[in-house]
PDB file of all heavy atoms in Angstrom:
ATOM      1  N   PHE A   1      85.859 118.936  73.625  1.00  0.00           N
ATOM      2  CA  PHE A   1      84.514 118.224  73.901  1.00  0.00           C
ATOM      3  C   PHE A   1      84.348 118.236  75.461  1.00  0.00           C
ATOM      4  O   PHE A   1      85.354 118.535  76.211  1.00  0.00           O
ATOM      5  CB  PHE A   1      84.596 116.834  73.427  1.00  0.00           C
ATOM      6  CG  PHE A   1      85.620 115.903  73.833  1.00  0.00           C
ATOM      7  CD1 PHE A   1      85.519 114.994  74.860  1.00  0.00           C
ATOM      8  CD2 PHE A   1      86.855 116.015  73.257  1.00  0.00           C
ATOM      9  CE1 PHE A   1      86.557 114.150  75.394  1.00  0.00           C
ATOM     10  CE2 PHE A   1      87.863 115.105  73.738  1.00  0.00           C
ATOM     11  CZ  PHE A   1      87.767 114.288  74.720  1.00  0.00           C
ATOM     12  N   ARG A   2      83.122 117.952  75.857  1.00  0.00           N
ATOM     13  CA  ARG A   2      82.809 117.740  77.252  1.00  0.00           C
ATOM     14  C   ARG A   2      82.468 116.352  77.550  1.00  0.00           C
ATOM     15  O   ARG A   2      82.015 115.580  76.716  1.00  0.00           O
ATOM     16  CB  ARG A   2      81.625 118.683  77.687  1.00  0.00           C
ATOM     17  CG  ARG A   2      81.959 120.087  77.634  1.00  0.00           C
ATOM     18  CD  ARG A   2      80.921 121.012  78.247  1.00  0.00           C
ATOM     19  NE  ARG A   2      81.419 122.306  78.316  1.00  0.00           N
ATOM     20  CZ  ARG A   2      80.572 123.257  78.354  1.00  0.00           C
ATOM     21  NH1 ARG A   2      79.361 123.251  78.507  1.00  0.00           N
ATOM     22  NH2 ARG A   2      81.122 124.573  78.488  1.00  0.00           N
ATOM     23  N   VAL A   3      82.858 115.926  78.843  1.00  0.00           N
ATOM     24  CA  VAL A   3      82.733 114.515  79.274  1.00  0.00           C
ATOM     25  C   VAL A   3      81.910 114.810  80.573  1.00  0.00           C
ATOM     26  O   VAL A   3      82.324 115.440  81.576  1.00  0.00           O
ATOM     27  CB  VAL A   3      83.950 113.773  79.504  1.00  0.00           C
ATOM     28  CG1 VAL A   3      83.523 112.318  80.010  1.00  0.00           C
ATOM     29  CG2 VAL A   3      84.818 113.643  78.247  1.00  0.00           C
ATOM     30  N   GLU A   4      80.719 113.979  80.649  1.00  0.00           N
ATOM     31  CA  GLU A   4      80.008 114.025  81.890  1.00  0.00           C
ATOM     32  C   GLU A   4      79.872 112.696  82.371  1.00  0.00           C
ATOM     33  O   GLU A   4      79.444 111.734  81.648  1.00  0.00           O
ATOM     34  CB  GLU A   4      78.597 114.521  81.484  1.00  0.00           C
ATOM     35  CG  GLU A   4      77.627 114.671  82.794  1.00  0.00           C
ATOM     36  CD  GLU A   4      76.301 115.190  82.495  1.00  0.00           C
ATOM     37  OE1 GLU A   4      76.167 116.462  82.414  1.00  0.00           O
ATOM     38  OE2 GLU A   4      75.483 114.381  82.252  1.00  0.00           O
ATOM     39  N   LEU A   5      80.199 112.417  83.573  1.00  0.00           N
ATOM     40  CA  LEU A   5      80.111 111.200  84.285  1.00  0.00           C
ATOM     41  C   LEU A   5      78.967 111.254  85.175  1.00  0.00           C
ATOM     42  O   LEU A   5      78.807 112.114  85.940  1.00  0.00           O
ATOM     43  CB  LEU A   5      81.447 110.887  85.213  1.00  0.00           C
ATOM     44  CG  LEU A   5      82.627 110.444  84.462  1.00  0.00           C
ATOM     45  CD1 LEU A   5      83.059 111.241  83.381  1.00  0.00           C
ATOM     46  CD2 LEU A   5      83.830 110.139  85.457  1.00  0.00           C
ATOM     47  N   ARG A   6      78.222 110.047  85.220  1.00  0.00           N
ATOM     48  CA  ARG A   6      76.936 109.998  86.086  1.00  0.00           C
ATOM     49  C   ARG A   6      76.847 108.579  86.558  1.00  0.00           C
ATOM     50  O   ARG A   6      76.868 107.641  85.719  1.00  0.00           O
ATOM     51  CB  ARG A   6      75.730 110.253  85.286  1.00  0.00           C
ATOM     52  CG  ARG A   6      75.489 111.741  85.107  1.00  0.00           C
ATOM     53  CD  ARG A   6      73.997 111.899  84.619  1.00  0.00           C
ATOM     54  NE  ARG A   6      73.911 113.464  84.442  1.00  0.00           N
ATOM     55  CZ  ARG A   6      73.463 114.214  85.376  1.00  0.00           C
ATOM     56  NH1 ARG A   6      72.985 113.814  86.449  1.00  0.00           N
ATOM     57  NH2 ARG A   6      73.295 115.497  85.107  1.00  0.00           N
ATOM     58  N   PRO A   7      77.023 108.400  87.949  1.00  0.00           N
ATOM     59  CA  PRO A   7      77.139 109.428  88.949  1.00  0.00           C
ATOM     60  C   PRO A   7      78.579 109.938  88.798  1.00  0.00           C
ATOM     61  O   PRO A   7      79.487 109.438  88.134  1.00  0.00           O
ATOM     62  CB  PRO A   7      76.888 108.717  90.234  1.00  0.00           C
ATOM     63  CG  PRO A   7      77.135 107.233  89.996  1.00  0.00           C
ATOM     64  CD  PRO A   7      76.744 107.051  88.500  1.00  0.00           C
ATOM     65  N   ALA A   8      78.921 110.935  89.682  1.00  0.00           N
ATOM     66  CA  ALA A   8      80.217 111.475  89.669  1.00  0.00           C
ATOM     67  C   ALA A   8      81.259 110.311  90.253  1.00  0.00           C
ATOM     68  O   ALA A   8      80.821 109.371  90.835  1.00  0.00           O
ATOM     69  CB  ALA A   8      80.300 112.690  90.714  1.00  0.00           C
ATOM     70  N   SER A   9      82.519 110.598  89.809  1.00  0.00           N
ATOM     71  CA  SER A   9      83.497 109.590  90.215  1.00  0.00           C
ATOM     72  C   SER A   9      84.766 110.462  90.864  1.00  0.00           C
ATOM     73  O   SER A   9      85.447 111.046  89.987  1.00  0.00           O
ATOM     74  CB  SER A   9      84.121 108.807  89.207  1.00  0.00           C
ATOM     75  OG  SER A   9      85.174 108.000  89.503  1.00  0.00           O
ATOM     76  N   ARG A  10      84.828 110.538  92.206  1.00  0.00           N
ATOM     77  CA  ARG A  10      85.831 111.168  92.734  1.00  0.00           C
ATOM     78  C   ARG A  10      87.256 110.692  92.348  1.00  0.00           C
ATOM     79  O   ARG A  10      88.220 111.360  92.152  1.00  0.00           O
ATOM     80  CB  ARG A  10      85.763 111.344  94.265  1.00  0.00           C
ATOM     81  CG  ARG A  10      86.779 112.056  95.030  1.00  0.00           C
ATOM     82  CD  ARG A  10      86.602 113.440  94.726  1.00  0.00           C
ATOM     83  NE  ARG A  10      87.730 114.173  95.420  1.00  0.00           N
ATOM     84  CZ  ARG A  10      88.727 114.761  94.676  1.00  0.00           C
ATOM     85  NH1 ARG A  10      88.642 114.762  93.396  1.00  0.00           N
ATOM     86  NH2 ARG A  10      89.693 115.295  95.306  1.00  0.00           N
ATOM     87  N   GLY A  11      87.292 109.410  92.282  1.00  0.00           N
ATOM     88  CA  GLY A  11      88.512 108.732  91.749  1.00  0.00           C
ATOM     89  C   GLY A  11      88.989 109.078  90.354  1.00  0.00           C
ATOM     90  O   GLY A  11      90.173 109.353  90.133  1.00  0.00           O
ATOM     91  N   PHE A  12      88.001 109.145  89.562  1.00  0.00           N
ATOM     92  CA  PHE A  12      88.301 109.689  88.140  1.00  0.00           C
ATOM     93  C   PHE A  12      88.842 111.133  88.135  1.00  0.00           C
ATOM     94  O   PHE A  12      89.819 111.398  87.539  1.00  0.00           O
ATOM     95  CB  PHE A  12      86.993 109.521  87.293  1.00  0.00           C
ATOM     96  CG  PHE A  12      87.144 110.147  86.023  1.00  0.00           C
ATOM     97  CD1 PHE A  12      87.673 109.381  84.856  1.00  0.00           C
ATOM     98  CD2 PHE A  12      86.775 111.376  85.746  1.00  0.00           C
ATOM     99  CE1 PHE A  12      87.727 109.812  83.583  1.00  0.00           C
ATOM    100  CE2 PHE A  12      86.892 112.006  84.368  1.00  0.00           C
ATOM    101  CZ  PHE A  12      87.446 111.111  83.391  1.00  0.00           C
ATOM    102  N   GLU A  13      88.097 111.902  88.922  1.00  0.00           N
ATOM    103  CA  GLU A  13      88.614 113.264  89.020  1.00  0.00           C
ATOM    104  C   GLU A  13      89.928 113.480  89.539  1.00  0.00           C
ATOM    105  O   GLU A  13      90.853 114.179  88.907  1.00  0.00           O
ATOM    106  CB  GLU A  13      87.614 114.032  89.989  1.00  0.00           C
ATOM    107  CG  GLU A  13      86.261 114.295  89.530  1.00  0.00           C
ATOM    108  CD  GLU A  13      85.345 114.753  90.647  1.00  0.00           C
ATOM    109  OE1 GLU A  13      85.740 115.360  91.601  1.00  0.00           O
ATOM    110  OE2 GLU A  13      84.056 114.786  90.286  1.00  0.00           O
ATOM    111  N   GLN A  14      90.233 112.687  90.598  1.00  0.00           N
ATOM    112  CA  GLN A  14      91.496 112.739  91.199  1.00  0.00           C
ATOM    113  C   GLN A  14      92.650 112.123  90.127  1.00  0.00           C
ATOM    114  O   GLN A  14      93.752 112.706  90.060  1.00  0.00           O
ATOM    115  CB  GLN A  14      91.663 111.960  92.497  1.00  0.00           C
ATOM    116  CG  GLN A  14      92.698 112.251  93.286  1.00  0.00           C
ATOM    117  CD  GLN A  14      92.723 111.623  94.710  1.00  0.00           C
ATOM    118  OE1 GLN A  14      92.078 110.639  94.925  1.00  0.00           O
ATOM    119  NE2 GLN A  14      93.176 112.370  95.683  1.00  0.00           N
ATOM    120  N   SER A  15      92.276 111.146  89.530  1.00  0.00           N
ATOM    121  CA  SER A  15      93.302 110.482  88.497  1.00  0.00           C
ATOM    122  C   SER A  15      93.604 111.544  87.472  1.00  0.00           C
ATOM    123  O   SER A  15      94.808 111.519  87.069  1.00  0.00           O
ATOM    124  CB  SER A  15      92.752 109.210  87.976  1.00  0.00           C
ATOM    125  OG  SER A  15      91.744 109.490  87.044  1.00  0.00           O
ATOM    126  N   LEU A  16      92.816 112.323  87.011  1.00  0.00           N
ATOM    127  CA  LEU A  16      92.910 113.276  86.004  1.00  0.00           C
ATOM    128  C   LEU A  16      93.872 114.378  86.589  1.00  0.00           C
ATOM    129  O   LEU A  16      94.879 114.797  85.975  1.00  0.00           O
ATOM    130  CB  LEU A  16      91.703 113.931  85.385  1.00  0.00           C
ATOM    131  CG  LEU A  16      90.966 113.222  84.367  1.00  0.00           C
ATOM    132  CD1 LEU A  16      89.621 113.976  83.978  1.00  0.00           C
ATOM    133  CD2 LEU A  16      91.731 112.817  83.236  1.00  0.00           C
ATOM    134  N   GLN A  17      93.454 114.845  87.782  1.00  0.00           N
ATOM    135  CA  GLN A  17      94.320 115.971  88.347  1.00  0.00           C
ATOM    136  C   GLN A  17      95.702 115.527  88.682  1.00  0.00           C
ATOM    137  O   GLN A  17      96.583 116.249  88.357  1.00  0.00           O
ATOM    138  CB  GLN A  17      93.654 116.334  89.745  1.00  0.00           C
ATOM    139  CG  GLN A  17      92.193 117.051  89.489  1.00  0.00           C
ATOM    140  CD  GLN A  17      91.386 117.165  90.737  1.00  0.00           C
ATOM    141  OE1 GLN A  17      91.478 116.304  91.684  1.00  0.00           O
ATOM    142  NE2 GLN A  17      90.452 118.069  90.727  1.00  0.00           N
ATOM    143  N   ILE A  18      95.868 114.372  89.167  1.00  0.00           N
ATOM    144  CA  ILE A  18      97.175 113.890  89.381  1.00  0.00           C
ATOM    145  C   ILE A  18      97.940 113.571  88.206  1.00  0.00           C
ATOM    146  O   ILE A  18      99.127 113.964  88.047  1.00  0.00           O
ATOM    147  CB  ILE A  18      97.261 112.652  90.521  1.00  0.00           C
ATOM    148  CG1 ILE A  18      96.753 113.187  91.858  1.00  0.00           C
ATOM    149  CG2 ILE A  18      98.535 112.166  90.706  1.00  0.00           C
ATOM    150  CD1 ILE A  18      96.448 112.129  92.906  1.00  0.00           C
ATOM    151  N   GLY A  19      97.260 112.792  87.277  1.00  0.00           N
ATOM    152  CA  GLY A  19      97.943 112.474  86.021  1.00  0.00           C
ATOM    153  C   GLY A  19      98.425 113.819  85.294  1.00  0.00           C
ATOM    154  O   GLY A  19      99.595 113.772  84.762  1.00  0.00           O
ATOM    155  N   TYR A  20      97.657 114.745  85.211  1.00  0.00           N
ATOM    156  CA  TYR A  20      98.083 115.891  84.466  1.00  0.00           C
ATOM    157  C   TYR A  20      99.165 116.589  85.246  1.00  0.00           C
ATOM    158  O   TYR A  20     100.099 117.335  84.682  1.00  0.00           O
ATOM    159  CB  TYR A  20      96.779 116.833  84.143  1.00  0.00           C
ATOM    160  CG  TYR A  20      96.149 116.468  82.845  1.00  0.00           C
ATOM    161  CD1 TYR A  20      95.175 115.554  82.846  1.00  0.00           C
ATOM    162  CD2 TYR A  20      96.564 117.043  81.710  1.00  0.00           C
ATOM    163  CE1 TYR A  20      94.461 115.105  81.669  1.00  0.00           C
ATOM    164  CE2 TYR A  20      95.989 116.621  80.470  1.00  0.00           C
ATOM    165  CZ  TYR A  20      94.971 115.694  80.398  1.00  0.00           C
ATOM    166  OH  TYR A  20      94.305 115.330  79.248  1.00  0.00           O
ATOM    167  N   GLY A  21      99.020 116.638  86.479  1.00  0.00           N
ATOM    168  CA  GLY A  21     100.126 117.143  87.269  1.00  0.00           C
ATOM    169  C   GLY A  21     101.447 116.572  87.142  1.00  0.00           C
ATOM    170  O   GLY A  21     102.496 117.144  87.019  1.00  0.00           O
ATOM    171  N   LEU A  22     101.483 115.171  87.113  1.00  0.00           N
ATOM    172  CA  LEU A  22     102.761 114.516  86.755  1.00  0.00           C
ATOM    173  C   LEU A  22     103.162 114.788  85.267  1.00  0.00           C
ATOM    174  O   LEU A  22     104.404 115.032  85.215  1.00  0.00           O
ATOM    175  CB  LEU A  22     102.383 112.991  86.806  1.00  0.00           C
ATOM    176  CG  LEU A  22     102.209 112.334  88.248  1.00  0.00           C
ATOM    177  CD1 LEU A  22     101.768 110.887  88.145  1.00  0.00           C
ATOM    178  CD2 LEU A  22     103.450 112.501  89.078  1.00  0.00           C
ATOM    179  N   ALA A  23     102.263 115.048  84.347  1.00  0.00           N
ATOM    180  CA  ALA A  23     102.682 115.369  83.085  1.00  0.00           C
ATOM    181  C   ALA A  23     103.336 116.770  83.058  1.00  0.00           C
ATOM    182  O   ALA A  23     104.331 116.941  82.420  1.00  0.00           O
ATOM    183  CB  ALA A  23     101.505 115.289  82.078  1.00  0.00           C
ATOM    184  N   GLY A  24     102.733 117.676  83.771  1.00  0.00           N
ATOM    185  CA  GLY A  24     103.280 119.132  83.900  1.00  0.00           C
ATOM    186  C   GLY A  24     104.668 119.048  84.471  1.00  0.00           C
ATOM    187  O   GLY A  24     105.428 119.867  84.271  1.00  0.00           O
ATOM    188  N   ASP A  25     104.916 118.088  85.413  1.00  0.00           N
ATOM    189  CA  ASP A  25     106.207 117.945  86.122  1.00  0.00           C
ATOM    190  C   ASP A  25     107.104 117.272  85.278  1.00  0.00           C
ATOM    191  O   ASP A  25     108.316 116.885  85.801  1.00  0.00           O
ATOM    192  CB  ASP A  25     106.039 117.365  87.491  1.00  0.00           C
ATOM    193  CG  ASP A  25     105.422 118.230  88.426  1.00  0.00           C
ATOM    194  OD1 ASP A  25     105.225 119.415  88.206  1.00  0.00           O
ATOM    195  OD2 ASP A  25     104.968 117.687  89.484  1.00  0.00           O
ATOM    196  N   GLY A  26     106.787 116.751  84.035  1.00  0.00           N
ATOM    197  CA  GLY A  26     107.787 115.979  83.137  1.00  0.00           C
ATOM    198  C   GLY A  26     107.814 114.532  83.577  1.00  0.00           C
ATOM    199  O   GLY A  26     108.873 113.983  83.327  1.00  0.00           O
ATOM    200  N   LEU A  27     107.023 113.962  84.409  1.00  0.00           N
ATOM    201  CA  LEU A  27     107.005 112.617  84.934  1.00  0.00           C
ATOM    202  C   LEU A  27     106.158 111.671  84.227  1.00  0.00           C
ATOM    203  O   LEU A  27     105.954 110.574  84.741  1.00  0.00           O
ATOM    204  CB  LEU A  27     106.847 112.611  86.462  1.00  0.00           C
ATOM    205  CG  LEU A  27     107.677 113.544  87.391  1.00  0.00           C
ATOM    206  CD1 LEU A  27     107.059 113.622  88.792  1.00  0.00           C
ATOM    207  CD2 LEU A  27     109.031 113.035  87.321  1.00  0.00           C
ATOM    208  N   CYS A  28     105.835 111.919  82.874  1.00  0.00           N
ATOM    209  CA  CYS A  28     105.085 111.038  82.236  1.00  0.00           C
ATOM    210  C   CYS A  28     105.948 110.819  80.808  1.00  0.00           C
ATOM    211  O   CYS A  28     106.702 111.639  80.414  1.00  0.00           O
ATOM    212  CB  CYS A  28     103.728 111.674  81.749  1.00  0.00           C
ATOM    213  SG  CYS A  28     102.595 111.589  83.184  1.00  0.00           S
ATOM    214  N   LYS A  29     105.570 109.596  80.263  1.00  0.00           N
ATOM    215  CA  LYS A  29     106.225 109.213  78.944  1.00  0.00           C
ATOM    216  C   LYS A  29     105.423 110.090  77.874  1.00  0.00           C
ATOM    217  O   LYS A  29     104.467 110.677  78.027  1.00  0.00           O
ATOM    218  CB  LYS A  29     105.997 107.772  78.663  1.00  0.00           C
ATOM    219  CG  LYS A  29     106.701 106.891  79.782  1.00  0.00           C
ATOM    220  CD  LYS A  29     106.446 105.437  79.482  1.00  0.00           C
ATOM    221  CE  LYS A  29     106.868 104.607  80.561  1.00  0.00           C
ATOM    222  NZ  LYS A  29     106.483 103.204  80.390  1.00  0.00           N
ATOM    223  N   SER A  30     105.924 109.933  76.663  1.00  0.00           N
ATOM    224  CA  SER A  30     105.366 110.661  75.534  1.00  0.00           C
ATOM    225  C   SER A  30     103.782 110.270  75.271  1.00  0.00           C
ATOM    226  O   SER A  30     103.109 110.950  74.754  1.00  0.00           O
ATOM    227  CB  SER A  30     106.126 110.500  74.279  1.00  0.00           C
ATOM    228  OG  SER A  30     106.235 109.112  73.834  1.00  0.00           O
ATOM    229  N   ASN A  31     103.435 108.948  75.692  1.00  0.00           N
ATOM    230  CA  ASN A  31     102.090 108.518  75.491  1.00  0.00           C
ATOM    231  C   ASN A  31     101.229 109.014  76.637  1.00  0.00           C
ATOM    232  O   ASN A  31      99.980 108.677  76.654  1.00  0.00           O
ATOM    233  CB  ASN A  31     102.122 107.025  75.312  1.00  0.00           C
ATOM    234  CG  ASN A  31     102.514 106.405  76.672  1.00  0.00           C
ATOM    235  OD1 ASN A  31     102.828 106.868  77.677  1.00  0.00           O
ATOM    236  ND2 ASN A  31     102.624 104.947  76.656  1.00  0.00           N
ATOM    237  N   GLY A  32     101.710 109.812  77.517  1.00  0.00           N
ATOM    238  CA  GLY A  32     100.989 110.343  78.757  1.00  0.00           C
ATOM    239  C   GLY A  32     100.901 109.440  79.975  1.00  0.00           C
ATOM    240  O   GLY A  32     100.323 109.919  80.911  1.00  0.00           O
ATOM    241  N   PHE A  33     101.499 108.212  79.833  1.00  0.00           N
ATOM    242  CA  PHE A  33     101.466 107.511  81.044  1.00  0.00           C
ATOM    243  C   PHE A  33     102.612 107.797  81.962  1.00  0.00           C
ATOM    244  O   PHE A  33     103.724 108.103  81.570  1.00  0.00           O
ATOM    245  CB  PHE A  33     101.703 105.929  80.644  1.00  0.00           C
ATOM    246  CG  PHE A  33     100.495 105.315  79.939  1.00  0.00           C
ATOM    247  CD1 PHE A  33     100.746 104.100  79.297  1.00  0.00           C
ATOM    248  CD2 PHE A  33      99.260 105.795  79.971  1.00  0.00           C
ATOM    249  CE1 PHE A  33      99.696 103.487  78.619  1.00  0.00           C
ATOM    250  CE2 PHE A  33      98.201 105.248  79.268  1.00  0.00           C
ATOM    251  CZ  PHE A  33      98.371 103.993  78.577  1.00  0.00           C
ATOM    252  N   PRO A  34     102.266 107.780  83.314  1.00  0.00           N
ATOM    253  CA  PRO A  34     103.430 108.063  84.215  1.00  0.00           C
ATOM    254  C   PRO A  34     104.514 107.128  84.087  1.00  0.00           C
ATOM    255  O   PRO A  34     104.253 105.873  83.838  1.00  0.00           O
ATOM    256  CB  PRO A  34     102.713 107.798  85.652  1.00  0.00           C
ATOM    257  CG  PRO A  34     101.248 108.015  85.390  1.00  0.00           C
ATOM    258  CD  PRO A  34     101.018 107.584  83.985  1.00  0.00           C
ATOM    259  N   LYS A  35     105.780 107.693  84.239  1.00  0.00           N
ATOM    260  CA  LYS A  35     106.943 106.887  84.144  1.00  0.00           C
ATOM    261  C   LYS A  35     107.084 105.851  85.335  1.00  0.00           C
ATOM    262  O   LYS A  35     107.672 104.782  85.068  1.00  0.00           O
ATOM    263  CB  LYS A  35     108.267 107.872  84.150  1.00  0.00           C
ATOM    264  CG  LYS A  35     108.435 108.725  83.023  1.00  0.00           C
ATOM    265  CD  LYS A  35     109.455 109.682  83.060  1.00  0.00           C
ATOM    266  CE  LYS A  35     109.520 110.534  81.835  1.00  0.00           C
ATOM    267  NZ  LYS A  35     110.659 111.470  81.936  1.00  0.00           N
ATOM    268  N   ASP A  36     106.510 106.188  86.442  1.00  0.00           N
ATOM    269  CA  ASP A  36     106.505 105.270  87.649  1.00  0.00           C
ATOM    270  C   ASP A  36     105.427 104.290  87.510  1.00  0.00           C
ATOM    271  O   ASP A  36     104.285 104.669  87.417  1.00  0.00           O
ATOM    272  CB  ASP A  36     106.312 106.118  88.885  1.00  0.00           C
ATOM    273  CG  ASP A  36     106.358 105.197  90.158  1.00  0.00           C
ATOM    274  OD1 ASP A  36     105.794 104.123  90.149  1.00  0.00           O
ATOM    275  OD2 ASP A  36     107.038 105.811  91.007  1.00  0.00           O
ATOM    276  N   LYS A  37     105.785 102.917  87.356  1.00  0.00           N
ATOM    277  CA  LYS A  37     104.801 101.956  87.138  1.00  0.00           C
ATOM    278  C   LYS A  37     103.844 101.896  88.347  1.00  0.00           C
ATOM    279  O   LYS A  37     102.715 101.564  88.165  1.00  0.00           O
ATOM    280  CB  LYS A  37     105.453 100.622  86.976  1.00  0.00           C
ATOM    281  CG  LYS A  37     106.155  99.974  88.109  1.00  0.00           C
ATOM    282  CD  LYS A  37     106.828  98.643  87.750  1.00  0.00           C
ATOM    283  CE  LYS A  37     107.428  98.140  88.940  1.00  0.00           C
ATOM    284  NZ  LYS A  37     108.062  96.826  88.718  1.00  0.00           N
ATOM    285  N   PHE A  38     104.312 102.123  89.542  1.00  0.00           N
ATOM    286  CA  PHE A  38     103.308 102.171  90.703  1.00  0.00           C
ATOM    287  C   PHE A  38     102.358 103.315  90.699  1.00  0.00           C
ATOM    288  O   PHE A  38     101.056 103.120  90.933  1.00  0.00           O
ATOM    289  CB  PHE A  38     104.084 102.142  92.077  1.00  0.00           C
ATOM    290  CG  PHE A  38     105.017 100.902  92.179  1.00  0.00           C
ATOM    291  CD1 PHE A  38     106.371 100.981  92.127  1.00  0.00           C
ATOM    292  CD2 PHE A  38     104.348  99.704  92.410  1.00  0.00           C
ATOM    293  CE1 PHE A  38     107.121  99.902  92.287  1.00  0.00           C
ATOM    294  CE2 PHE A  38     105.092  98.518  92.571  1.00  0.00           C
ATOM    295  CZ  PHE A  38     106.601  98.562  92.552  1.00  0.00           C
ATOM    296  N   ALA A  39     102.787 104.527  90.211  1.00  0.00           N
ATOM    297  CA  ALA A  39     101.831 105.649  90.060  1.00  0.00           C
ATOM    298  C   ALA A  39     100.825 105.329  89.030  1.00  0.00           C
ATOM    299  O   ALA A  39      99.682 105.604  89.200  1.00  0.00           O
ATOM    300  CB  ALA A  39     102.658 106.818  89.649  1.00  0.00           C
ATOM    301  N   LEU A  40     101.317 104.592  87.901  1.00  0.00           N
ATOM    302  CA  LEU A  40     100.392 104.318  86.866  1.00  0.00           C
ATOM    303  C   LEU A  40      99.273 103.346  87.262  1.00  0.00           C
ATOM    304  O   LEU A  40      98.195 103.572  87.082  1.00  0.00           O
ATOM    305  CB  LEU A  40     101.131 103.726  85.666  1.00  0.00           C
ATOM    306  CG  LEU A  40     100.291 103.108  84.599  1.00  0.00           C
ATOM    307  CD1 LEU A  40      99.396 104.067  83.744  1.00  0.00           C
ATOM    308  CD2 LEU A  40     101.279 102.328  83.547  1.00  0.00           C
ATOM    309  N   ALA A  41      99.740 102.371  88.021  1.00  0.00           N
ATOM    310  CA  ALA A  41      98.775 101.350  88.445  1.00  0.00           C
ATOM    311  C   ALA A  41      97.838 102.038  89.481  1.00  0.00           C
ATOM    312  O   ALA A  41      96.598 101.733  89.400  1.00  0.00           O
ATOM    313  CB  ALA A  41      99.635 100.208  89.087  1.00  0.00           C
ATOM    314  N   TRP A  42      98.299 102.865  90.358  1.00  0.00           N
ATOM    315  CA  TRP A  42      97.393 103.443  91.323  1.00  0.00           C
ATOM    316  C   TRP A  42      96.348 104.335  90.657  1.00  0.00           C
ATOM    317  O   TRP A  42      95.193 104.280  90.996  1.00  0.00           O
ATOM    318  CB  TRP A  42      98.219 104.224  92.408  1.00  0.00           C
ATOM    319  CG  TRP A  42      97.406 104.738  93.454  1.00  0.00           C
ATOM    320  CD1 TRP A  42      96.642 104.027  94.476  1.00  0.00           C
ATOM    321  CD2 TRP A  42      96.944 106.191  93.568  1.00  0.00           C
ATOM    322  NE1 TRP A  42      95.922 104.936  95.216  1.00  0.00           N
ATOM    323  CE2 TRP A  42      96.156 106.143  94.801  1.00  0.00           C
ATOM    324  CE3 TRP A  42      97.402 107.300  92.924  1.00  0.00           C
ATOM    325  CZ2 TRP A  42      95.663 107.381  95.283  1.00  0.00           C
ATOM    326  CZ3 TRP A  42      96.820 108.530  93.422  1.00  0.00           C
ATOM    327  CH2 TRP A  42      96.091 108.618  94.552  1.00  0.00           C
ATOM    328  N   LEU A  43      96.734 105.246  89.722  1.00  0.00           N
ATOM    329  CA  LEU A  43      95.918 106.080  88.957  1.00  0.00           C
ATOM    330  C   LEU A  43      94.916 105.257  88.222  1.00  0.00           C
ATOM    331  O   LEU A  43      93.589 105.664  88.149  1.00  0.00           O
ATOM    332  CB  LEU A  43      96.696 106.937  88.140  1.00  0.00           C
ATOM    333  CG  LEU A  43      97.540 108.013  88.863  1.00  0.00           C
ATOM    334  CD1 LEU A  43      98.218 108.846  87.875  1.00  0.00           C
ATOM    335  CD2 LEU A  43      96.728 108.985  89.610  1.00  0.00           C
TER     336      LEU A  43
END
């Protein structure tokens, strides 16, 4: 599916990019949340 945000949200974009990067590095739990509670809160 596609998701369109209006207006754009740079923070949303960055949270996805960083979140998926952490997952790719094995730094997320099985539910997709970052293992680091501070990273999770910031995202």
